[in-house]
C-alpha atoms as a PDB file:
ATOM      1  CA  GLN A   1      15.451 -21.573   2.245  1.00  0.00           C
ATOM      2  CA  VAL A   2      14.489 -18.386   1.345  1.00  0.00           C
ATOM      3  CA  GLN A   3      11.919 -16.513   3.248  1.00  0.00           C
ATOM      4  CA  LEU A   4      10.304 -13.009   3.020  1.00  0.00           C
ATOM      5  CA  VAL A   5       8.525 -11.578   5.731  1.00  0.00           C
ATOM      6  CA  GLU A   6       6.425  -8.458   5.354  1.00  0.00           C
ATOM      7  CA  SER A   7       5.292  -6.007   7.457  1.00  0.00           C
ATOM      8  CA  GLY A   8       3.913  -2.438   8.195  1.00  0.00           C
ATOM      9  CA  GLY A   9       0.491  -2.920   6.875  1.00  0.00           C
ATOM     10  CA  GLY A  10      -2.952  -1.852   8.400  1.00  0.00           C
ATOM     11  CA  LEU A  11      -5.760   0.643   8.147  1.00  0.00           C
ATOM     12  CA  VAL A  12      -5.291   4.016   7.424  1.00  0.00           C
ATOM     13  CA  GLN A  13      -7.506   7.598   6.614  1.00  0.00           C
ATOM     14  CA  PRO A  14      -7.252   8.645   2.825  1.00  0.00           C
ATOM     15  CA  GLY A  15      -4.061  11.464   2.549  1.00  0.00           C
ATOM     16  CA  GLY A  16      -2.544   9.192   4.901  1.00  0.00           C
ATOM     17  CA  SER A  17       0.830   7.436   4.999  1.00  0.00           C
ATOM     18  CA  LEU A  18       2.017   3.937   5.453  1.00  0.00           C
ATOM     19  CA  ARG A  19       5.434   2.272   5.290  1.00  0.00           C
ATOM     20  CA  LEU A  20       5.742  -1.411   4.529  1.00  0.00           C
ATOM     21  CA  SER A  21       8.824  -3.419   4.826  1.00  0.00           C
ATOM     22  CA  CYS A  22       9.873  -6.871   3.534  1.00  0.00           C
ATOM     23  CA  ALA A  23      13.072  -8.674   5.273  1.00  0.00           C
ATOM     24  CA  ALA A  24      14.957 -11.528   3.298  1.00  0.00           C
ATOM     25  CA  SER A  25      16.710 -14.324   5.026  1.00  0.00           C
ATOM     26  CA  GLY A  26      17.825 -17.596   3.971  1.00  0.00           C
ATOM     27  CA  SER A  27      20.749 -18.965   1.696  1.00  0.00           C
ATOM     28  CA  ILE A  28      20.680 -15.513  -0.431  1.00  0.00           C
ATOM     29  CA  LEU A  29      24.214 -14.993  -2.424  1.00  0.00           C
ATOM     30  CA  SER A  30      22.617 -12.121  -3.501  1.00  0.00           C
ATOM     31  CA  ILE A  31      19.368 -10.068  -4.571  1.00  0.00           C
ATOM     32  CA  TYR A  32      18.901  -8.654  -8.184  1.00  0.00           C
ATOM     33  CA  VAL A  33      15.528  -7.414  -7.760  1.00  0.00           C
ATOM     34  CA  MET A  34      13.307  -6.664  -4.953  1.00  0.00           C
ATOM     35  CA  GLY A  35       9.880  -4.938  -5.606  1.00  0.00           C
ATOM     36  CA  TRP A  36       6.345  -4.562  -4.543  1.00  0.00           C
ATOM     37  CA  TYR A  37       2.926  -5.634  -5.869  1.00  0.00           C
ATOM     38  CA  ARG A  38      -0.256  -5.195  -4.710  1.00  0.00           C
ATOM     39  CA  GLN A  39      -4.023  -6.915  -5.610  1.00  0.00           C
ATOM     40  CA  ALA A  40      -7.136  -5.648  -4.957  1.00  0.00           C
ATOM     41  CA  PRO A  41      -9.845  -7.921  -4.290  1.00  0.00           C
ATOM     42  CA  GLY A  42     -10.979  -9.477  -7.426  1.00  0.00           C
ATOM     43  CA  LYS A  43      -8.153  -7.886  -9.476  1.00  0.00           C
ATOM     44  CA  GLN A  44      -5.216  -8.941 -10.844  1.00  0.00           C
ATOM     45  CA  ARG A  45      -1.892  -8.477  -8.871  1.00  0.00           C
ATOM     46  CA  ASP A  46       0.025  -5.465 -10.535  1.00  0.00           C
ATOM     47  CA  LEU A  47       3.416  -4.200 -10.217  1.00  0.00           C
ATOM     48  CA  VAL A  48       3.834  -0.839  -7.745  1.00  0.00           C
ATOM     49  CA  ALA A  49       7.432  -0.180  -7.840  1.00  0.00           C
ATOM     50  CA  THR A  50      11.026  -1.976  -8.220  1.00  0.00           C
ATOM     51  CA  ILE A  51      14.532  -1.285  -7.223  1.00  0.00           C
ATOM     52  CA  LEU A  52      17.986  -2.954  -8.221  1.00  0.00           C
ATOM     53  CA  GLY A  53      21.208  -3.509  -6.650  1.00  0.00           C
ATOM     54  CA  ASP A  54      22.407  -0.467  -7.795  1.00  0.00           C
ATOM     55  CA  GLY A  55      19.619   1.757  -6.753  1.00  0.00           C
ATOM     56  CA  SER A  56      17.642   2.902  -9.889  1.00  0.00           C
ATOM     57  CA  THR A  57      13.811   2.338  -9.430  1.00  0.00           C
ATOM     58  CA  ASP A  58      10.627   2.002 -11.481  1.00  0.00           C
ATOM     59  CA  TYR A  59       7.405   3.041 -10.406  1.00  0.00           C
ATOM     60  CA  ALA A  60       3.565   2.243 -11.535  1.00  0.00           C
ATOM     61  CA  ASP A  61       2.557   5.440 -13.217  1.00  0.00           C
ATOM     62  CA  SER A  62      -0.514   5.910 -10.568  1.00  0.00           C
ATOM     63  CA  VAL A  63       2.084   6.335  -7.633  1.00  0.00           C
ATOM     64  CA  LYS A  64       4.746   8.355  -9.397  1.00  0.00           C
ATOM     65  CA  GLY A  65       5.764  11.303  -6.696  1.00  0.00           C
ATOM     66  CA  ARG A  66       3.623   9.551  -3.884  1.00  0.00           C
ATOM     67  CA  PHE A  67       5.522   6.439  -3.212  1.00  0.00           C
ATOM     68  CA  THR A  68       9.147   5.676  -2.648  1.00  0.00           C
ATOM     69  CA  ILE A  69      11.177   2.453  -2.961  1.00  0.00           C
ATOM     70  CA  ALA A  70      14.478   1.785  -0.801  1.00  0.00           C
ATOM     71  CA  ARG A  71      16.652  -1.267   0.084  1.00  0.00           C
ATOM     72  CA  ASP A  72      18.994  -2.095   2.352  1.00  0.00           C
ATOM     73  CA  ASN A  73      21.358  -4.582   0.230  1.00  0.00           C
ATOM     74  CA  ALA A  74      23.378  -5.863   3.814  1.00  0.00           C
ATOM     75  CA  MET A  75      20.060  -5.793   5.666  1.00  0.00           C
ATOM     76  CA  LYS A  76      18.264  -7.638   2.525  1.00  0.00           C
ATOM     77  CA  THR A  77      15.477  -5.504   3.351  1.00  0.00           C
ATOM     78  CA  VAL A  78      13.192  -3.607   0.988  1.00  0.00           C
ATOM     79  CA  TRP A  79      10.967  -0.445   2.294  1.00  0.00           C
ATOM     80  CA  LEU A  80       7.621   1.155  -0.052  1.00  0.00           C
ATOM     81  CA  THR A  81       6.763   4.319   1.722  1.00  0.00           C
ATOM     82  CA  MET A  82       3.640   5.130   0.670  1.00  0.00           C
ATOM     83  CA  HIS A  83       1.660   8.670   0.783  1.00  0.00           C
ATOM     84  CA  SER A  84      -1.489  10.373   0.005  1.00  0.00           C
ATOM     85  CA  LEU A  85      -3.185   7.102  -0.189  1.00  0.00           C
ATOM     86  CA  GLU A  86      -6.444   6.804  -1.754  1.00  0.00           C
ATOM     87  CA  PRO A  87      -9.215   4.186  -0.793  1.00  0.00           C
ATOM     88  CA  GLU A  88      -8.946   2.755  -4.191  1.00  0.00           C
ATOM     89  CA  GLU A  89      -5.342   1.656  -3.490  1.00  0.00           C
ATOM     90  CA  THR A  90      -6.816  -0.330  -0.514  1.00  0.00           C
ATOM     91  CA  ALA A  91      -4.962  -4.120  -1.638  1.00  0.00           C
ATOM     92  CA  VAL A  92      -2.965  -6.915  -0.148  1.00  0.00           C
ATOM     93  CA  TYR A  93       0.662  -5.622  -0.831  1.00  0.00           C
ATOM     94  CA  TYR A  94       3.101  -8.314  -1.514  1.00  0.00           C
ATOM     95  CA  CYS A  95       7.137  -8.162  -1.949  1.00  0.00           C
ATOM     96  CA  ASN A  96       8.701  -9.725  -4.751  1.00  0.00           C
ATOM     97  CA  ASP A  97      12.373 -10.219  -4.868  1.00  0.00           C
ATOM     98  CA  ARG A  98      14.622 -12.142  -7.255  1.00  0.00           C
ATOM     99  CA  ILE A  99      17.626 -13.982  -5.590  1.00  0.00           C
ATOM    100  CA  ALA A 100      20.401 -15.708  -6.419  1.00  0.00           C
ATOM    101  CA  THR A 101      20.948 -19.058  -4.390  1.00  0.00           C
ATOM    102  CA  MET A 102      23.154 -21.829  -5.011  1.00  0.00           C
ATOM    103  CA  GLY A 103      20.573 -23.476  -7.180  1.00  0.00           C
ATOM    104  CA  GLY A 104      19.672 -21.029  -9.116  1.00  0.00           C
ATOM    105  CA  ALA A 105      18.188 -17.162  -9.258  1.00  0.00           C
ATOM    106  CA  TYR A 106      14.117 -17.422  -8.529  1.00  0.00           C
ATOM    107  CA  ASP A 107      11.512 -15.287  -7.622  1.00  0.00           C
ATOM    108  CA  TYR A 108      10.408 -15.273  -4.461  1.00  0.00           C
ATOM    109  CA  TRP A 109       7.183 -13.878  -2.490  1.00  0.00           C
ATOM    110  CA  GLY A 110       6.333 -12.422   0.820  1.00  0.00           C
ATOM    111  CA  GLN A 111       3.057 -13.521   2.607  1.00  0.00           C
ATOM    112  CA  GLY A 112       1.291 -10.329   1.900  1.00  0.00           C
ATOM    113  CA  THR A 113       0.110  -7.249   3.950  1.00  0.00           C
ATOM    114  CA  GLN A 114      -3.115  -5.798   4.154  1.00  0.00           C
ATOM    115  CA  VAL A 115      -3.495  -2.073   3.425  1.00  0.00           C
ATOM    116  CA  THR A 116      -6.911  -0.852   3.770  1.00  0.00           C
ATOM    117  CA  VAL A 117      -7.568   3.129   3.029  1.00  0.00           C
ATOM    118  CA  SER A 118     -10.769   3.780   4.833  1.00  0.00           C
ATOM    119  CA  SER A 119     -12.392   6.620   7.105  1.00  0.00           C
END
């Protein structure tokens, strides 16, 4: 069994910062891609950022220059550091990992962590 556990969400004022983390555990051989998505109420789930095992990253245009994704392969953990947050970025943030197990490679999701940007 593979489990992703997220933490770090909360309430932040506009212009503020937050750091999210997501730790994977279980029968993991390797983690190919680690990423963050977000879903605002009534909207689809959108990609925020991804990071490959070699450290290469990709970001949604709306967060470039403000968000940073990082990973530690030994800790099986990915972080999302968010600066200059805007109210429109209020959403549930989910981590998503492409993980190789003995049974094959699959996408796994965290339970989600609420980020609320409000004064």
